Amino acid sequence: MFKKFLQALWKSIIKSLDKFFAIFRDPIKTAEKKIVELNKFQQEATTSLGNIKAMSIETKRNLEKKLQEIKIYEESAAAAIRKAKRGEISSQEADRKAAEALSQKNTAVKEAKHFKVILANYGAAVKKTEASVSATEHQIRTLENEILTLKARKKMVDSTKKITKSLEDMSSGATGESLKSLKSELKKDEQSIALTTSTYSDMLDLESDFESSIESDALLYDTDIQSELNMLKSKVDADNEEFQSDIENIRTPIKN
């Protein structure tokens, strides 16, 4: 009683320890190891199935052989009786030969029945084992596909985590600060370039205005000179007429 209690306690401890250490194992690698074991067992089951089929085939051959022997013994017994009827051998000799052949036939019948039972058992075992092997094969392949899917999903999740962490590091770490600093410097440079371009454009506008002003002043200057020249000519003409008039006024008394 105490021994059974210790055995149960030990099994419970082993089970608890196994659950504890399972936390630190990689479930996918553990499952892959189990798949290797299952494939090994599956191969053994397939080999066993092949052996059962081979023994079934051999038993069937033995059964067919015994059935042939049974026919031979029956024909031998019948042949002895026919010979006695034809007077070729005595009836006693025929009975002895026929009885001996029938005895061998009965032995062959027993053996044939035995082979038939074995063959039936092998047939049932083959069907059962084939179904089991097929079901196990399907389960193993399903588990393998599931493990492959889990591995792919795990890789995807791990890669996504790495990408996310890298992005976080870039945005919050030294790289992020460097990028921010670079963006700030680029912004200042762009503003400086825009200001320089604007100043140069203003300078070009001033030069254009200055040139326009000079051209306008030149036209104005030319216009004033011409006007003054015309005015001067008019004044000279007027002065000349007045001068001529004065001369005529002086001449008139003299004529009189």
Protein backbone atom coordinates (compact mmCIF):
# COMPACT_ATOMS: atom_id res chain seq x y z
CA MET A 1 0.00 0.00 0.00
CA PHE A 2 2.75 2.43 0.98
CA LYS A 3 4.74 1.41 -2.12
CA LYS A 4 1.80 2.26 -4.39
CA PHE A 5 1.47 5.61 -2.64
CA LEU A 6 5.17 6.37 -3.29
CA GLN A 7 4.82 5.36 -6.94
CA ALA A 8 1.78 7.60 -7.40
CA LEU A 9 3.59 10.46 -5.62
CA TRP A 10 6.67 10.01 -7.82
CA LYS A 11 4.56 10.03 -10.99
CA SER A 12 2.82 13.21 -9.81
CA ILE A 13 6.18 14.87 -9.12
CA ILE A 14 7.55 13.87 -12.54
CA LYS A 15 4.41 15.20 -14.24
CA SER A 16 4.64 18.52 -12.36
CA LEU A 17 8.33 18.89 -13.20
CA ASP A 18 7.63 18.14 -16.84
CA LYS A 19 4.96 20.87 -16.92
CA PHE A 20 7.36 23.28 -15.19
CA PHE A 21 10.23 22.70 -17.61
CA ALA A 22 7.84 22.80 -20.57
CA ILE A 23 7.56 26.56 -19.96
CA PHE A 24 11.21 26.99 -21.00
CA ARG A 25 10.98 24.77 -24.08
CA ASP A 26 10.30 25.93 -27.60
CA PRO A 27 6.89 24.39 -28.38
CA ILE A 28 7.58 24.24 -32.12
CA LYS A 29 10.89 22.42 -31.68
CA THR A 30 9.26 20.07 -29.17
CA ALA A 31 6.44 19.37 -31.64
CA GLU A 32 8.96 18.76 -34.43
CA LYS A 33 10.73 16.18 -32.24
CA LYS A 34 7.39 14.52 -31.62
CA ILE A 35 6.75 14.48 -35.36
CA VAL A 36 10.06 12.66 -35.87
CA GLU A 37 9.01 10.07 -33.27
CA LEU A 38 5.55 9.73 -34.85
CA ASN A 39 7.05 9.21 -38.29
CA LYS A 40 9.31 6.53 -36.80
CA PHE A 41 6.31 4.79 -35.23
CA GLN A 42 4.40 5.21 -38.47
CA GLN A 43 7.22 3.54 -40.38
CA GLU A 44 7.23 0.68 -37.91
CA ALA A 45 3.45 0.32 -38.28
CA THR A 46 3.80 0.35 -42.08
CA THR A 47 6.50 -2.32 -41.86
CA SER A 48 4.26 -4.41 -39.60
CA LEU A 49 1.42 -4.01 -42.07
CA GLY A 50 3.70 -5.22 -44.84
CA ASN A 51 4.68 -8.27 -42.75
CA ILE A 52 1.04 -9.07 -42.03
CA LYS A 53 0.20 -8.84 -45.74
CA ALA A 54 3.15 -11.10 -46.59
CA MET A 55 2.02 -13.71 -44.03
CA SER A 56 -1.54 -13.39 -45.33
CA ILE A 57 -0.34 -14.09 -48.87
CA GLU A 58 1.70 -17.05 -47.66
CA THR A 59 -1.27 -18.43 -45.69
CA LYS A 60 -3.48 -18.09 -48.75
CA ARG A 61 -0.98 -20.07 -50.78
CA ASN A 62 -0.91 -22.81 -48.11
CA LEU A 63 -4.71 -22.88 -48.07
CA GLU A 64 -4.87 -23.24 -51.85
CA LYS A 65 -2.27 -25.99 -51.65
CA LYS A 66 -4.32 -27.88 -49.03
CA LEU A 67 -7.46 -27.51 -51.12
CA GLN A 68 -5.60 -29.04 -54.04
CA GLU A 69 -4.42 -31.92 -51.79
CA ILE A 70 -8.00 -32.51 -50.66
CA LYS A 71 -9.10 -32.92 -54.28
CA ILE A 72 -6.19 -35.25 -54.99
CA TYR A 73 -7.02 -37.46 -51.96
CA GLU A 74 -10.71 -37.58 -52.95
CA GLU A 75 -9.80 -38.58 -56.51
CA SER A 76 -7.37 -41.22 -55.20
CA ALA A 77 -10.07 -42.77 -52.98
CA ALA A 78 -12.59 -42.75 -55.84
CA ALA A 79 -10.02 -44.24 -58.24
CA ALA A 80 -9.38 -47.19 -55.86
CA ILE A 81 -13.12 -47.94 -55.68
CA ARG A 82 -13.48 -47.76 -59.47
CA LYS A 83 -10.59 -50.20 -59.90
CA ALA A 84 -12.31 -52.66 -57.55
CA LYS A 85 -15.51 -52.42 -59.57
CA ARG A 86 -13.58 -53.09 -62.76
CA GLY A 87 -11.97 -56.08 -61.10
CA GLU A 88 -8.49 -54.65 -61.36
CA ILE A 89 -7.95 -54.94 -57.60
CA SER A 90 -9.76 -56.68 -54.81
CA SER A 91 -12.43 -54.88 -52.84
CA GLN A 92 -10.32 -55.22 -49.67
CA GLU A 93 -7.35 -53.56 -51.40
CA ALA A 94 -9.64 -50.84 -52.77
CA ASP A 95 -11.15 -50.20 -49.34
CA ARG A 96 -7.69 -49.98 -47.75
CA LYS A 97 -6.41 -47.52 -50.38
CA ALA A 98 -9.61 -45.47 -50.30
CA ALA A 99 -9.58 -45.34 -46.48
CA GLU A 100 -5.94 -44.25 -46.47
CA ALA A 101 -6.65 -41.50 -49.04
CA LEU A 102 -9.71 -40.30 -47.10
CA SER A 103 -7.65 -40.18 -43.89
CA GLN A 104 -5.07 -37.98 -45.61
CA LYS A 105 -7.92 -35.90 -47.00
CA ASN A 106 -9.35 -35.35 -43.50
CA THR A 107 -5.94 -34.23 -42.24
CA ALA A 108 -5.67 -31.83 -45.18
CA VAL A 109 -9.20 -30.54 -44.45
CA LYS A 110 -8.24 -29.77 -40.83
CA GLU A 111 -5.13 -27.98 -41.97
CA ALA A 112 -7.13 -26.10 -44.61
CA LYS A 113 -9.63 -24.99 -41.97
CA HIS A 114 -6.75 -23.82 -39.78
CA PHE A 115 -5.24 -21.83 -42.67
CA LYS A 116 -8.67 -20.41 -43.46
CA VAL A 117 -9.09 -19.13 -39.88
CA ILE A 118 -5.57 -17.66 -39.92
CA LEU A 119 -6.23 -16.05 -43.30
CA ALA A 120 -9.45 -14.49 -41.98
CA ASN A 121 -7.58 -13.15 -38.95
CA TYR A 122 -4.85 -11.77 -41.18
CA GLY A 123 -7.49 -10.16 -43.40
CA ALA A 124 -9.11 -8.47 -40.40
CA ALA A 125 -5.70 -7.41 -39.07
CA VAL A 126 -4.73 -5.99 -42.47
CA LYS A 127 -7.93 -3.93 -42.71
CA LYS A 128 -7.60 -2.68 -39.14
CA THR A 129 -3.92 -1.88 -39.52
CA GLU A 130 -4.44 -0.16 -42.88
CA ALA A 131 -7.18 2.02 -41.39
CA SER A 132 -4.99 2.83 -38.40
CA VAL A 133 -1.94 3.59 -40.54
CA SER A 134 -4.01 5.75 -42.89
CA ALA A 135 -5.60 7.69 -40.01
CA THR A 136 -2.27 8.14 -38.27
CA GLU A 137 -0.65 9.23 -41.52
CA HIS A 138 -3.38 11.85 -42.01
CA GLN A 139 -2.96 13.11 -38.44
CA ILE A 140 0.81 13.36 -38.80
CA ARG A 141 0.55 15.25 -42.10
CA THR A 142 -2.07 17.57 -40.58
CA LEU A 143 0.18 18.21 -37.59
CA GLU A 144 3.17 18.83 -39.88
CA ASN A 145 1.19 21.38 -41.89
CA GLU A 146 0.02 23.03 -38.70
CA ILE A 147 3.60 23.27 -37.43
CA LEU A 148 4.73 24.76 -40.76
CA THR A 149 1.91 27.30 -40.55
CA LEU A 150 2.82 28.16 -36.96
CA LYS A 151 6.49 28.56 -37.90
CA ALA A 152 5.56 30.90 -40.76
CA ARG A 153 3.24 32.90 -38.50
CA LYS A 154 5.89 33.06 -35.77
CA LYS A 155 8.51 34.33 -38.24
CA MET A 156 6.07 36.94 -39.48
CA VAL A 157 5.28 38.09 -35.93
CA ASP A 158 8.97 38.13 -34.95
CA SER A 159 9.82 40.15 -38.07
CA THR A 160 6.97 42.57 -37.37
CA LYS A 161 8.17 42.99 -33.79
CA LYS A 162 11.70 43.72 -35.00
CA ILE A 163 10.42 46.23 -37.54
CA THR A 164 8.23 47.92 -34.91
CA LYS A 165 11.11 48.07 -32.43
CA SER A 166 13.45 49.46 -35.09
CA LEU A 167 10.88 52.12 -35.96
CA GLU A 168 10.47 52.99 -32.28
CA ASP A 169 14.25 53.20 -31.87
CA MET A 170 14.50 55.40 -34.95
CA SER A 171 11.79 57.75 -33.70
CA SER A 172 12.92 57.96 -30.07
CA GLY A 173 16.64 57.12 -30.11
CA ALA A 174 19.77 58.73 -31.45
CA THR A 175 18.76 58.01 -35.03
CA GLY A 176 15.46 59.79 -34.50
CA GLU A 177 17.20 62.79 -32.98
CA SER A 178 19.65 62.86 -35.89
CA LEU A 179 16.79 62.79 -38.38
CA LYS A 180 14.99 65.58 -36.52
CA SER A 181 18.20 67.62 -36.47
CA LEU A 182 18.70 67.00 -40.18
CA LYS A 183 15.11 68.01 -40.93
CA SER A 184 15.61 71.21 -38.91
CA GLU A 185 18.83 72.04 -40.75
CA LEU A 186 17.23 71.32 -44.11
CA LYS A 187 14.31 73.55 -43.21
CA LYS A 188 16.67 76.40 -42.28
CA ASP A 189 18.64 75.90 -45.48
CA GLU A 190 15.44 75.91 -47.53
CA GLN A 191 14.28 79.09 -45.83
CA SER A 192 17.70 80.66 -46.42
CA ILE A 193 17.59 79.68 -50.09
CA ALA A 194 14.06 81.09 -50.40
CA LEU A 195 15.15 84.36 -48.72
CA THR A 196 18.22 84.66 -50.95
CA THR A 197 16.13 84.01 -54.03
CA SER A 198 13.57 86.59 -52.91
CA THR A 199 16.31 89.21 -52.22
CA TYR A 200 17.91 88.60 -55.59
CA SER A 201 14.51 88.89 -57.23
CA ASP A 202 13.93 92.19 -55.41
CA MET A 203 17.33 93.41 -56.58
CA LEU A 204 16.42 92.54 -60.13
CA ASP A 205 13.16 94.44 -59.71
CA LEU A 206 15.04 97.48 -58.33
CA GLU A 207 17.45 97.40 -61.25
CA SER A 208 14.54 97.18 -63.64
CA ASP A 209 12.79 100.12 -61.92
CA PHE A 210 16.03 102.13 -61.94
CA GLU A 211 16.52 101.46 -65.62
CA SER A 212 12.90 102.38 -66.31
CA SER A 213 13.34 105.59 -64.31
CA ILE A 214 16.45 106.50 -66.26
CA GLU A 215 14.66 105.84 -69.52
CA SER A 216 11.68 107.97 -68.38
CA ASP A 217 13.96 110.82 -67.23
CA ALA A 218 15.82 110.74 -70.53
CA LEU A 219 12.57 111.04 -72.41
CA LEU A 220 11.46 113.80 -70.10
CA TYR A 221 14.79 115.60 -70.56
CA ASP A 222 14.57 115.32 -74.34
CA THR A 223 11.00 116.57 -74.26
CA ASP A 224 11.93 119.64 -72.12
CA ILE A 225 14.83 120.64 -74.40
CA GLN A 226 12.62 120.47 -77.47
CA SER A 227 9.96 122.48 -75.72
CA GLU A 228 12.44 125.03 -74.59
CA LEU A 229 13.90 125.18 -78.08
CA ASN A 230 10.48 125.77 -79.56
CA MET A 231 9.72 128.38 -76.95
CA LEU A 232 13.05 130.03 -77.65
CA LYS A 233 12.38 130.13 -81.38
CA SER A 234 8.96 131.59 -80.76
CA LYS A 235 10.44 134.24 -78.52
CA VAL A 236 13.10 135.10 -81.03
CA ASP A 237 10.50 135.40 -83.76
CA ALA A 238 8.40 137.57 -81.52
CA ASP A 239 11.36 139.72 -80.58
CA ASN A 240 12.31 140.03 -84.22
CA GLU A 241 8.80 141.15 -85.17
CA GLU A 242 8.80 143.66 -82.35
CA PHE A 243 12.24 144.81 -83.42
CA GLN A 244 11.06 145.23 -87.01
CA SER A 245 8.03 147.12 -85.80
CA ASP A 246 10.16 149.47 -83.84
CA ILE A 247 12.26 150.09 -86.86
CA GLU A 248 9.19 150.89 -88.94
CA ASN A 249 7.96 153.29 -86.30
CA ILE A 250 11.24 155.07 -86.40
CA ARG A 251 11.22 155.17 -90.18
CA THR A 252 7.74 156.60 -90.49
CA PRO A 253 8.51 160.04 -89.06
CA ILE A 254 11.53 160.31 -91.22
CA LYS A 255 9.50 159.65 -94.33
CA ASN A 256 7.03 162.30 -93.37
